[in-house]
Amino acid sequence: MLKREEYVETFVELIRRASTQLPEDVAAALKSGRGEESDDSLAQRALDTILTNVDLAGSESLPICQDTGTPVVFVHHPVGVSTRELEDALIDGVKEATNRKYLRPNAVDTLTGKNTGSGAGRGIPFVHFEEWNKPEIEVQLLLKGGGSENVGTQYKLPDTGLKAGRDLEGVRKAVLHAVNEAQGKGCAPGILGVCVGGDRVSAFAESKKQLLRPLADTNPVPELAELEATLLKQGNELGVGPMGFGGKTTLLAVKMGVLDRLPACYFVTVSYLCWAARRSSVRIAEGGQVSWQS
């Protein structure tokens, strides 16, 4: 595996890629959405501005958005790898990426209101570890912006106000309500990560993990694959549109996962990701070779 300083530098590059280069599938979805909007409409103008911004950020290696988000990290590692050392290297990577201006100093002490100045703080970055049987390390990064995080939500079914029961039809109603409530505040067009079931903590983690999926993939659970397609279609029929200006492009994708639950609980958890869907991943082979993915 790599030396400590090599891990840090790899994580800095991982952050740079996520912060400055929009994944190709997301850029393609934005371009496709632009083609669906009326000529010279506010929706089309908003998407034109977004796409111009994406091109400039990539060519100049500058952050796509001024809110560079919270680093949310999912790590798969083989047995015997020290998660403490990996987390320490990730924290140092965040600090160095902030120093190099790939990240904005985004960590604020909740009690004092003072910025830590380093981009790192208590609970920032958020790191989730999972051991697997493969010999390499996989690190998946999501830079989760504050605007979209503010419109994420969790429903407890049944919900009499939504007339939503404990079934997939109730899930559909809850998710569409979340999209309509977000309006332009989540910087649409957005991507939804949804978890059905779980508890209040595990469900949010799973919903964020869903945001790492490629936009074009198909859910392996047929019922969820069908519901994802239905929610994408019906979400775009709400007319919220890019940045809330109205139009046909409110959502770029809906990705759903499911966790088992207690008999007393039925949660529907929605994590909203703005159009600046900043994700990147890296695999570090047992011999130290590094391969990049988006």
C-alpha atoms as a PDB file:
ATOM      1  CA  MET A   1       0.000   0.000   0.000  1.00  0.00           C
ATOM      2  CA  LEU A   2       0.969   3.675  -0.041  1.00  0.00           C
ATOM      3  CA  LYS A   3       2.981   5.691   2.442  1.00  0.00           C
ATOM      4  CA  ARG A   4       1.169   8.202   4.646  1.00  0.00           C
ATOM      5  CA  GLU A   5       2.109  11.231   2.515  1.00  0.00           C
ATOM      6  CA  GLU A   6       1.105   9.345  -0.640  1.00  0.00           C
ATOM      7  CA  TYR A   7      -2.330   8.627   0.812  1.00  0.00           C
ATOM      8  CA  VAL A   8      -2.760  12.307   1.661  1.00  0.00           C
ATOM      9  CA  GLU A   9      -1.751  13.430  -1.823  1.00  0.00           C
ATOM     10  CA  THR A  10      -4.082  10.846  -3.385  1.00  0.00           C
ATOM     11  CA  PHE A  11      -6.968  12.146  -1.296  1.00  0.00           C
ATOM     12  CA  VAL A  12      -6.152  15.754  -2.264  1.00  0.00           C
ATOM     13  CA  GLU A  13      -6.372  14.735  -5.917  1.00  0.00           C
ATOM     14  CA  LEU A  14      -9.629  12.883  -5.234  1.00  0.00           C
ATOM     15  CA  ILE A  15     -11.065  16.078  -3.765  1.00  0.00           C
ATOM     16  CA  ARG A  16      -9.761  18.210  -6.636  1.00  0.00           C
ATOM     17  CA  ARG A  17     -11.426  15.972  -9.194  1.00  0.00           C
ATOM     18  CA  ALA A  18     -14.747  15.989  -7.357  1.00  0.00           C
ATOM     19  CA  SER A  19     -14.678  19.734  -6.707  1.00  0.00           C
ATOM     20  CA  THR A  20     -13.729  20.871 -10.220  1.00  0.00           C
ATOM     21  CA  GLN A  21     -14.905  18.190 -12.668  1.00  0.00           C
ATOM     22  CA  LEU A  22     -18.580  17.345 -13.003  1.00  0.00           C
ATOM     23  CA  PRO A  23     -19.076  13.642 -13.820  1.00  0.00           C
ATOM     24  CA  GLU A  24     -19.716  13.058 -17.515  1.00  0.00           C
ATOM     25  CA  ASP A  25     -23.094  11.400 -16.961  1.00  0.00           C
ATOM     26  CA  VAL A  26     -24.336  14.383 -14.944  1.00  0.00           C
ATOM     27  CA  ALA A  27     -23.108  16.886 -17.554  1.00  0.00           C
ATOM     28  CA  ALA A  28     -24.814  14.831 -20.270  1.00  0.00           C
ATOM     29  CA  ALA A  29     -28.082  14.829 -18.287  1.00  0.00           C
ATOM     30  CA  LEU A  30     -27.920  18.617 -17.923  1.00  0.00           C
ATOM     31  CA  LYS A  31     -27.386  18.999 -21.675  1.00  0.00           C
ATOM     32  CA  SER A  32     -30.273  16.662 -22.367  1.00  0.00           C
ATOM     33  CA  GLY A  33     -32.476  18.667 -20.025  1.00  0.00           C
ATOM     34  CA  ARG A  34     -31.520  21.880 -21.793  1.00  0.00           C
ATOM     35  CA  GLY A  35     -32.798  20.386 -25.044  1.00  0.00           C
ATOM     36  CA  GLU A  36     -36.177  19.714 -23.429  1.00  0.00           C
ATOM     37  CA  GLU A  37     -36.726  23.306 -22.307  1.00  0.00           C
ATOM     38  CA  SER A  38     -38.425  25.999 -24.377  1.00  0.00           C
ATOM     39  CA  ASP A  39     -36.094  28.203 -26.405  1.00  0.00           C
ATOM     40  CA  ASP A  40     -34.891  31.291 -24.538  1.00  0.00           C
ATOM     41  CA  SER A  41     -36.909  30.363 -21.440  1.00  0.00           C
ATOM     42  CA  LEU A  42     -35.598  31.069 -17.949  1.00  0.00           C
ATOM     43  CA  ALA A  43     -35.109  27.327 -17.549  1.00  0.00           C
ATOM     44  CA  GLN A  44     -32.946  27.104 -20.661  1.00  0.00           C
ATOM     45  CA  ARG A  45     -30.966  30.198 -19.679  1.00  0.00           C
ATOM     46  CA  ALA A  46     -30.330  28.739 -16.233  1.00  0.00           C
ATOM     47  CA  LEU A  47     -29.037  25.504 -17.750  1.00  0.00           C
ATOM     48  CA  ASP A  48     -26.875  27.455 -20.212  1.00  0.00           C
ATOM     49  CA  THR A  49     -25.284  29.300 -17.298  1.00  0.00           C
ATOM     50  CA  ILE A  50     -24.772  26.063 -15.391  1.00  0.00           C
ATOM     51  CA  LEU A  51     -23.131  24.342 -18.380  1.00  0.00           C
ATOM     52  CA  THR A  52     -20.861  27.320 -19.047  1.00  0.00           C
ATOM     53  CA  ASN A  53     -19.838  27.273 -15.397  1.00  0.00           C
ATOM     54  CA  VAL A  54     -19.107  23.538 -15.572  1.00  0.00           C
ATOM     55  CA  ASP A  55     -16.855  24.013 -18.613  1.00  0.00           C
ATOM     56  CA  LEU A  56     -14.937  26.872 -16.992  1.00  0.00           C
ATOM     57  CA  ALA A  57     -14.455  24.993 -13.722  1.00  0.00           C
ATOM     58  CA  GLY A  58     -13.086  21.953 -15.521  1.00  0.00           C
ATOM     59  CA  SER A  59     -10.736  23.870 -17.804  1.00  0.00           C
ATOM     60  CA  GLU A  60      -9.366  26.087 -15.014  1.00  0.00           C
ATOM     61  CA  SER A  61      -9.389  23.421 -12.261  1.00  0.00           C
ATOM     62  CA  LEU A  62     -11.565  25.664 -10.083  1.00  0.00           C
ATOM     63  CA  PRO A  63     -14.461  24.659  -7.828  1.00  0.00           C
ATOM     64  CA  ILE A  64     -17.750  24.191  -9.694  1.00  0.00           C
ATOM     65  CA  CYS A  65     -19.650  25.951  -6.906  1.00  0.00           C
ATOM     66  CA  GLN A  66     -18.620  28.458  -4.249  1.00  0.00           C
ATOM     67  CA  ASP A  67     -20.149  26.140  -1.645  1.00  0.00           C
ATOM     68  CA  THR A  68     -17.697  23.290  -1.977  1.00  0.00           C
ATOM     69  CA  GLY A  69     -19.775  21.199   0.397  1.00  0.00           C
ATOM     70  CA  THR A  70     -19.122  18.731   3.151  1.00  0.00           C
ATOM     71  CA  PRO A  71     -16.862  15.812   2.208  1.00  0.00           C
ATOM     72  CA  VAL A  72     -18.888  12.621   2.679  1.00  0.00           C
ATOM     73  CA  VAL A  73     -16.621   9.597   2.276  1.00  0.00           C
ATOM     74  CA  PHE A  74     -17.407   5.888   1.943  1.00  0.00           C
ATOM     75  CA  VAL A  75     -14.352   3.635   2.314  1.00  0.00           C
ATOM     76  CA  HIS A  76     -14.126  -0.074   1.516  1.00  0.00           C
ATOM     77  CA  HIS A  77     -10.971  -1.699   2.834  1.00  0.00           C
ATOM     78  CA  PRO A  78      -9.470  -5.180   3.254  1.00  0.00           C
ATOM     79  CA  VAL A  79      -8.865  -6.812   6.601  1.00  0.00           C
ATOM     80  CA  GLY A  80      -5.802  -5.518   8.401  1.00  0.00           C
ATOM     81  CA  VAL A  81      -5.957  -1.940   7.124  1.00  0.00           C
ATOM     82  CA  SER A  82      -6.011   0.678   9.875  1.00  0.00           C
ATOM     83  CA  THR A  83      -9.182   2.755   9.540  1.00  0.00           C
ATOM     84  CA  ARG A  84      -7.743   5.245  12.034  1.00  0.00           C
ATOM     85  CA  GLU A  85      -4.736   5.882   9.811  1.00  0.00           C
ATOM     86  CA  LEU A  86      -6.929   6.168   6.732  1.00  0.00           C
ATOM     87  CA  GLU A  87      -9.231   8.653   8.460  1.00  0.00           C
ATOM     88  CA  ASP A  88      -6.254  10.716   9.653  1.00  0.00           C
ATOM     89  CA  ALA A  89      -4.951  10.825   6.063  1.00  0.00           C
ATOM     90  CA  LEU A  90      -8.397  11.847   4.784  1.00  0.00           C
ATOM     91  CA  ILE A  91      -8.566  14.675   7.324  1.00  0.00           C
ATOM     92  CA  ASP A  92      -5.113  15.879   6.294  1.00  0.00           C
ATOM     93  CA  GLY A  93      -6.217  15.615   2.666  1.00  0.00           C
ATOM     94  CA  VAL A  94      -9.197  17.869   3.384  1.00  0.00           C
ATOM     95  CA  LYS A  95      -6.959  20.390   5.102  1.00  0.00           C
ATOM     96  CA  GLU A  96      -4.468  20.445   2.229  1.00  0.00           C
ATOM     97  CA  ALA A  97      -7.222  20.633  -0.396  1.00  0.00           C
ATOM     98  CA  THR A  98      -8.632  23.607   1.499  1.00  0.00           C
ATOM     99  CA  ASN A  99      -5.186  25.193   1.561  1.00  0.00           C
ATOM    100  CA  ARG A 100      -4.954  24.725  -2.227  1.00  0.00           C
ATOM    101  CA  LYS A 101      -8.414  26.302  -2.680  1.00  0.00           C
ATOM    102  CA  TYR A 102     -10.108  23.178  -4.020  1.00  0.00           C
ATOM    103  CA  LEU A 103     -12.347  23.416  -0.958  1.00  0.00           C
ATOM    104  CA  ARG A 104     -13.695  26.456   0.849  1.00  0.00           C
ATOM    105  CA  PRO A 105     -13.078  26.555   4.632  1.00  0.00           C
ATOM    106  CA  ASN A 106     -16.511  25.131   5.432  1.00  0.00           C
ATOM    107  CA  ALA A 107     -16.151  23.763   8.972  1.00  0.00           C
ATOM    108  CA  VAL A 108     -17.719  25.953  11.652  1.00  0.00           C
ATOM    109  CA  ASP A 109     -17.670  25.324  15.408  1.00  0.00           C
ATOM    110  CA  THR A 110     -21.366  24.946  16.194  1.00  0.00           C
ATOM    111  CA  LEU A 111     -21.087  26.380  19.718  1.00  0.00           C
ATOM    112  CA  THR A 112     -18.902  29.417  19.018  1.00  0.00           C
ATOM    113  CA  GLY A 113     -19.768  30.088  15.365  1.00  0.00           C
ATOM    114  CA  LYS A 114     -16.068  30.368  14.535  1.00  0.00           C
ATOM    115  CA  ASN A 115     -14.665  28.841  11.367  1.00  0.00           C
ATOM    116  CA  THR A 116     -11.920  26.291  11.981  1.00  0.00           C
ATOM    117  CA  GLY A 117     -10.086  27.718   8.968  1.00  0.00           C
ATOM    118  CA  SER A 118      -8.844  24.298   7.852  1.00  0.00           C
ATOM    119  CA  GLY A 119     -11.951  22.838   6.220  1.00  0.00           C
ATOM    120  CA  ALA A 120     -11.957  20.066   8.830  1.00  0.00           C
ATOM    121  CA  GLY A 121     -13.685  19.873  12.193  1.00  0.00           C
ATOM    122  CA  ARG A 122     -15.614  17.587  14.513  1.00  0.00           C
ATOM    123  CA  GLY A 123     -17.445  15.202  12.198  1.00  0.00           C
ATOM    124  CA  ILE A 124     -16.038  16.866   9.059  1.00  0.00           C
ATOM    125  CA  PRO A 125     -15.229  15.013   6.882  1.00  0.00           C
ATOM    126  CA  PHE A 126     -17.929  12.403   7.465  1.00  0.00           C
ATOM    127  CA  VAL A 127     -16.246   9.026   6.917  1.00  0.00           C
ATOM    128  CA  HIS A 128     -17.976   5.635   6.718  1.00  0.00           C
ATOM    129  CA  PHE A 129     -15.852   2.457   6.743  1.00  0.00           C
ATOM    130  CA  GLU A 130     -16.806  -1.016   5.539  1.00  0.00           C
ATOM    131  CA  GLU A 131     -14.539  -4.048   5.349  1.00  0.00           C
ATOM    132  CA  TRP A 132     -14.713  -6.200   2.222  1.00  0.00           C
ATOM    133  CA  ASN A 133     -13.017  -9.291   0.787  1.00  0.00           C
ATOM    134  CA  LYS A 134     -11.074  -7.517  -1.966  1.00  0.00           C
ATOM    135  CA  PRO A 135      -7.360  -6.713  -1.515  1.00  0.00           C
ATOM    136  CA  GLU A 136      -7.639  -3.083  -2.650  1.00  0.00           C
ATOM    137  CA  ILE A 137      -8.996   0.041  -0.968  1.00  0.00           C
ATOM    138  CA  GLU A 138     -11.895   1.940  -2.541  1.00  0.00           C
ATOM    139  CA  VAL A 139     -12.634   5.515  -1.505  1.00  0.00           C
ATOM    140  CA  GLN A 140     -15.834   7.146  -2.768  1.00  0.00           C
ATOM    141  CA  LEU A 141     -16.239  10.870  -2.203  1.00  0.00           C
ATOM    142  CA  LEU A 142     -19.329  13.051  -2.327  1.00  0.00           C
ATOM    143  CA  LEU A 143     -19.055  16.813  -1.806  1.00  0.00           C
ATOM    144  CA  LYS A 144     -22.500  17.596  -0.390  1.00  0.00           C
ATOM    145  CA  GLY A 145     -23.535  21.240  -0.656  1.00  0.00           C
ATOM    146  CA  GLY A 146     -25.374  22.997   2.152  1.00  0.00           C
ATOM    147  CA  GLY A 147     -28.311  24.230   0.072  1.00  0.00           C
ATOM    148  CA  SER A 148     -29.245  20.749  -1.046  1.00  0.00           C
ATOM    149  CA  GLU A 149     -28.582  19.355   2.429  1.00  0.00           C
ATOM    150  CA  ASN A 150     -31.096  21.808   3.884  1.00  0.00           C
ATOM    151  CA  VAL A 151     -33.927  20.398   1.750  1.00  0.00           C
ATOM    152  CA  GLY A 152     -33.194  16.760   2.566  1.00  0.00           C
ATOM    153  CA  THR A 153     -35.889  15.294   4.786  1.00  0.00           C
ATOM    154  CA  GLN A 154     -37.308  12.206   6.456  1.00  0.00           C
ATOM    155  CA  TYR A 155     -40.908  10.996   6.613  1.00  0.00           C
ATOM    156  CA  LYS A 156     -42.519   8.675   9.135  1.00  0.00           C
ATOM    157  CA  LEU A 157     -45.262   6.577   7.564  1.00  0.00           C
ATOM    158  CA  PRO A 158     -48.164   6.421   7.788  1.00  0.00           C
ATOM    159  CA  ASP A 159     -48.583  10.159   7.183  1.00  0.00           C
ATOM    160  CA  THR A 160     -52.220  11.216   7.354  1.00  0.00           C
ATOM    161  CA  GLY A 161     -51.496  14.649   5.873  1.00  0.00           C
ATOM    162  CA  LEU A 162     -50.061  13.082   2.733  1.00  0.00           C
ATOM    163  CA  LYS A 163     -52.526  10.160   2.819  1.00  0.00           C
ATOM    164  CA  ALA A 164     -49.415   7.989   2.578  1.00  0.00           C
ATOM    165  CA  GLY A 165     -49.498   4.480   3.954  1.00  0.00           C
ATOM    166  CA  ARG A 166     -46.763   1.980   4.676  1.00  0.00           C
ATOM    167  CA  ASP A 167     -46.237   0.794   1.110  1.00  0.00           C
ATOM    168  CA  LEU A 168     -44.454   1.895  -2.063  1.00  0.00           C
ATOM    169  CA  GLU A 169     -47.388   4.102  -3.016  1.00  0.00           C
ATOM    170  CA  GLY A 170     -46.893   5.920   0.278  1.00  0.00           C
ATOM    171  CA  VAL A 171     -43.190   6.174  -0.503  1.00  0.00           C
ATOM    172  CA  ARG A 172     -44.024   7.731  -3.882  1.00  0.00           C
ATOM    173  CA  LYS A 173     -46.232  10.364  -2.259  1.00  0.00           C
ATOM    174  CA  ALA A 174     -43.596  11.236   0.344  1.00  0.00           C
ATOM    175  CA  VAL A 175     -40.779  11.623  -2.190  1.00  0.00           C
ATOM    176  CA  LEU A 176     -42.851  13.812  -4.522  1.00  0.00           C
ATOM    177  CA  HIS A 177     -43.821  15.971  -1.551  1.00  0.00           C
ATOM    178  CA  ALA A 178     -40.131  16.422  -0.738  1.00  0.00           C
ATOM    179  CA  VAL A 179     -39.375  17.516  -4.309  1.00  0.00           C
ATOM    180  CA  ASN A 180     -42.246  19.984  -4.362  1.00  0.00           C
ATOM    181  CA  GLU A 181     -41.261  21.415  -0.976  1.00  0.00           C
ATOM    182  CA  ALA A 182     -37.650  21.894  -2.097  1.00  0.00           C
ATOM    183  CA  GLN A 183     -38.651  24.063  -5.081  1.00  0.00           C
ATOM    184  CA  GLY A 184     -35.536  25.989  -6.210  1.00  0.00           C
ATOM    185  CA  LYS A 185     -33.921  25.980  -2.768  1.00  0.00           C
ATOM    186  CA  GLY A 186     -32.058  22.752  -3.487  1.00  0.00           C
ATOM    187  CA  CYS A 187     -30.476  24.179  -6.678  1.00  0.00           C
ATOM    188  CA  ALA A 188     -32.456  22.076  -9.136  1.00  0.00           C
ATOM    189  CA  PRO A 189     -32.180  20.086 -11.284  1.00  0.00           C
ATOM    190  CA  GLY A 190     -31.377  17.653  -8.531  1.00  0.00           C
ATOM    191  CA  ILE A 191     -30.645  13.995  -7.940  1.00  0.00           C
ATOM    192  CA  LEU A 192     -32.506  12.167  -5.191  1.00  0.00           C
ATOM    193  CA  GLY A 193     -31.021   9.493  -2.971  1.00  0.00           C
ATOM    194  CA  VAL A 194     -33.837   7.700  -1.163  1.00  0.00           C
ATOM    195  CA  CYS A 195     -33.812   5.057   1.543  1.00  0.00           C
ATOM    196  CA  VAL A 196     -36.938   3.092   2.423  1.00  0.00           C
ATOM    197  CA  GLY A 197     -36.748   1.645   5.924  1.00  0.00           C
ATOM    198  CA  GLY A 198     -33.851   1.580   8.365  1.00  0.00           C
ATOM    199  CA  ASP A 199     -33.631   3.792  11.434  1.00  0.00           C
ATOM    200  CA  ARG A 200     -33.161   7.558  11.465  1.00  0.00           C
ATOM    201  CA  VAL A 201     -29.355   7.291  11.298  1.00  0.00           C
ATOM    202  CA  SER A 202     -28.773   4.333   8.986  1.00  0.00           C
ATOM    203  CA  ALA A 203     -31.396   5.613   6.552  1.00  0.00           C
ATOM    204  CA  PHE A 204     -29.647   8.931   5.939  1.00  0.00           C
ATOM    205  CA  ALA A 205     -26.320   7.175   5.400  1.00  0.00           C
ATOM    206  CA  GLU A 206     -27.921   4.798   2.887  1.00  0.00           C
ATOM    207  CA  SER A 207     -29.724   7.621   1.087  1.00  0.00           C
ATOM    208  CA  LYS A 208     -26.404   9.439   0.587  1.00  0.00           C
ATOM    209  CA  LYS A 209     -24.758   6.237  -0.601  1.00  0.00           C
ATOM    210  CA  GLN A 210     -27.396   6.028  -3.334  1.00  0.00           C
ATOM    211  CA  LEU A 211     -26.138   9.375  -4.691  1.00  0.00           C
ATOM    212  CA  LEU A 212     -22.884   7.682  -5.726  1.00  0.00           C
ATOM    213  CA  ARG A 213     -24.662   5.496  -8.299  1.00  0.00           C
ATOM    214  CA  PRO A 214     -24.228   6.286 -12.027  1.00  0.00           C
ATOM    215  CA  LEU A 215     -27.309   8.042 -13.385  1.00  0.00           C
ATOM    216  CA  ALA A 216     -27.961   5.427 -16.067  1.00  0.00           C
ATOM    217  CA  ASP A 217     -27.786   2.309 -13.900  1.00  0.00           C
ATOM    218  CA  THR A 218     -30.818   0.150 -13.148  1.00  0.00           C
ATOM    219  CA  ASN A 219     -31.875  -0.773  -9.653  1.00  0.00           C
ATOM    220  CA  PRO A 220     -31.440  -4.538  -9.107  1.00  0.00           C
ATOM    221  CA  VAL A 221     -34.763  -4.623  -7.225  1.00  0.00           C
ATOM    222  CA  PRO A 222     -37.501  -4.550  -9.913  1.00  0.00           C
ATOM    223  CA  GLU A 223     -40.067  -2.776  -7.727  1.00  0.00           C
ATOM    224  CA  LEU A 224     -37.575  -0.031  -6.885  1.00  0.00           C
ATOM    225  CA  ALA A 225     -36.412   0.261 -10.502  1.00  0.00           C
ATOM    226  CA  GLU A 226     -40.016   0.876 -11.543  1.00  0.00           C
ATOM    227  CA  LEU A 227     -40.565   3.394  -8.752  1.00  0.00           C
ATOM    228  CA  GLU A 228     -37.332   5.258  -9.608  1.00  0.00           C
ATOM    229  CA  ALA A 229     -38.543   5.714 -13.185  1.00  0.00           C
ATOM    230  CA  THR A 230     -42.006   6.787 -12.039  1.00  0.00           C
ATOM    231  CA  LEU A 231     -40.628   9.347  -9.585  1.00  0.00           C
ATOM    232  CA  LEU A 232     -38.264  10.798 -12.184  1.00  0.00           C
ATOM    233  CA  LYS A 233     -41.144  11.259 -14.629  1.00  0.00           C
ATOM    234  CA  GLN A 234     -43.616  12.617 -12.091  1.00  0.00           C
ATOM    235  CA  GLY A 235     -41.008  14.787 -10.396  1.00  0.00           C
ATOM    236  CA  ASN A 236     -40.263  16.496 -13.689  1.00  0.00           C
ATOM    237  CA  GLU A 237     -43.983  17.020 -14.241  1.00  0.00           C
ATOM    238  CA  LEU A 238     -44.167  19.195 -11.110  1.00  0.00           C
ATOM    239  CA  GLY A 239     -42.817  22.133 -13.105  1.00  0.00           C
ATOM    240  CA  VAL A 240     -40.271  23.349 -10.532  1.00  0.00           C
ATOM    241  CA  GLY A 241     -37.561  23.452 -13.188  1.00  0.00           C
ATOM    242  CA  PRO A 242     -33.906  24.537 -13.103  1.00  0.00           C
ATOM    243  CA  MET A 243     -33.170  26.710 -10.050  1.00  0.00           C
ATOM    244  CA  GLY A 244     -36.937  26.962  -9.464  1.00  0.00           C
ATOM    245  CA  PHE A 245     -37.587  29.009 -12.621  1.00  0.00           C
ATOM    246  CA  GLY A 246     -40.145  26.519 -13.920  1.00  0.00           C
ATOM    247  CA  GLY A 247     -39.672  24.011 -16.706  1.00  0.00           C
ATOM    248  CA  LYS A 248     -39.364  20.318 -17.438  1.00  0.00           C
ATOM    249  CA  THR A 249     -36.006  19.575 -15.781  1.00  0.00           C
ATOM    250  CA  THR A 250     -36.520  19.342 -12.037  1.00  0.00           C
ATOM    251  CA  LEU A 251     -34.793  16.001 -11.479  1.00  0.00           C
ATOM    252  CA  LEU A 252     -31.911  14.265 -13.245  1.00  0.00           C
ATOM    253  CA  ALA A 253     -32.305  10.917 -11.478  1.00  0.00           C
ATOM    254  CA  VAL A 254     -33.867   9.119  -8.531  1.00  0.00           C
ATOM    255  CA  LYS A 255     -31.852   6.392  -6.794  1.00  0.00           C
ATOM    256  CA  MET A 256     -33.428   4.219  -4.111  1.00  0.00           C
ATOM    257  CA  GLY A 257     -32.172   1.760  -1.539  1.00  0.00           C
ATOM    258  CA  VAL A 258     -33.967  -0.301   1.087  1.00  0.00           C
ATOM    259  CA  LEU A 259     -33.064  -1.334   4.637  1.00  0.00           C
ATOM    260  CA  ASP A 260     -34.966  -3.569   7.024  1.00  0.00           C
ATOM    261  CA  ARG A 261     -36.804  -1.846   9.848  1.00  0.00           C
ATOM    262  CA  LEU A 262     -38.419  -2.285  13.231  1.00  0.00           C
ATOM    263  CA  PRO A 263     -42.128  -3.211  13.144  1.00  0.00           C
ATOM    264  CA  ALA A 264     -42.981   0.134  14.748  1.00  0.00           C
ATOM    265  CA  CYS A 265     -41.068   2.249  12.223  1.00  0.00           C
ATOM    266  CA  TYR A 266     -41.379   2.986   8.509  1.00  0.00           C
ATOM    267  CA  PHE A 267     -39.103   5.826   7.435  1.00  0.00           C
ATOM    268  CA  VAL A 268     -38.726   7.338   3.981  1.00  0.00           C
ATOM    269  CA  THR A 269     -35.500   9.316   3.872  1.00  0.00           C
ATOM    270  CA  VAL A 270     -34.658  11.705   1.047  1.00  0.00           C
ATOM    271  CA  SER A 271     -31.197  13.143   0.419  1.00  0.00           C
ATOM    272  CA  TYR A 272     -31.272  15.847  -2.249  1.00  0.00           C
ATOM    273  CA  LEU A 273     -28.188  16.484  -4.364  1.00  0.00           C
ATOM    274  CA  CYS A 274     -27.991  19.692  -6.385  1.00  0.00           C
ATOM    275  CA  TRP A 275     -27.001  19.811 -10.063  1.00  0.00           C
ATOM    276  CA  ALA A 276     -23.367  20.201  -8.909  1.00  0.00           C
ATOM    277  CA  ALA A 277     -23.258  16.455  -8.255  1.00  0.00           C
ATOM    278  CA  ARG A 278     -19.642  16.329  -7.172  1.00  0.00           C
ATOM    279  CA  ARG A 279     -18.625  12.724  -6.793  1.00  0.00           C
ATOM    280  CA  SER A 280     -15.402  10.908  -7.474  1.00  0.00           C
ATOM    281  CA  SER A 281     -13.765   7.658  -6.444  1.00  0.00           C
ATOM    282  CA  VAL A 282     -10.364   6.048  -6.363  1.00  0.00           C
ATOM    283  CA  ARG A 283      -9.122   2.491  -5.986  1.00  0.00           C
ATOM    284  CA  ILE A 284      -5.737   1.805  -4.431  1.00  0.00           C
ATOM    285  CA  ALA A 285      -4.391  -1.640  -5.294  1.00  0.00           C
ATOM    286  CA  GLU A 286      -2.480  -3.804  -2.859  1.00  0.00           C
ATOM    287  CA  GLY A 287       0.743  -2.810  -4.649  1.00  0.00           C
ATOM    288  CA  GLY A 288      -0.089   0.908  -4.432  1.00  0.00           C
ATOM    289  CA  GLN A 289      -1.356   1.456  -7.997  1.00  0.00           C
ATOM    290  CA  VAL A 290      -4.023   4.158  -8.163  1.00  0.00           C
ATOM    291  CA  SER A 291      -7.011   4.114 -10.550  1.00  0.00           C
ATOM    292  CA  TRP A 292      -9.591   6.882 -10.826  1.00  0.00           C
ATOM    293  CA  GLN A 293     -13.337   6.715 -11.392  1.00  0.00           C
ATOM    294  CA  SER A 294     -16.161   9.275 -11.397  1.00  0.00           C
END
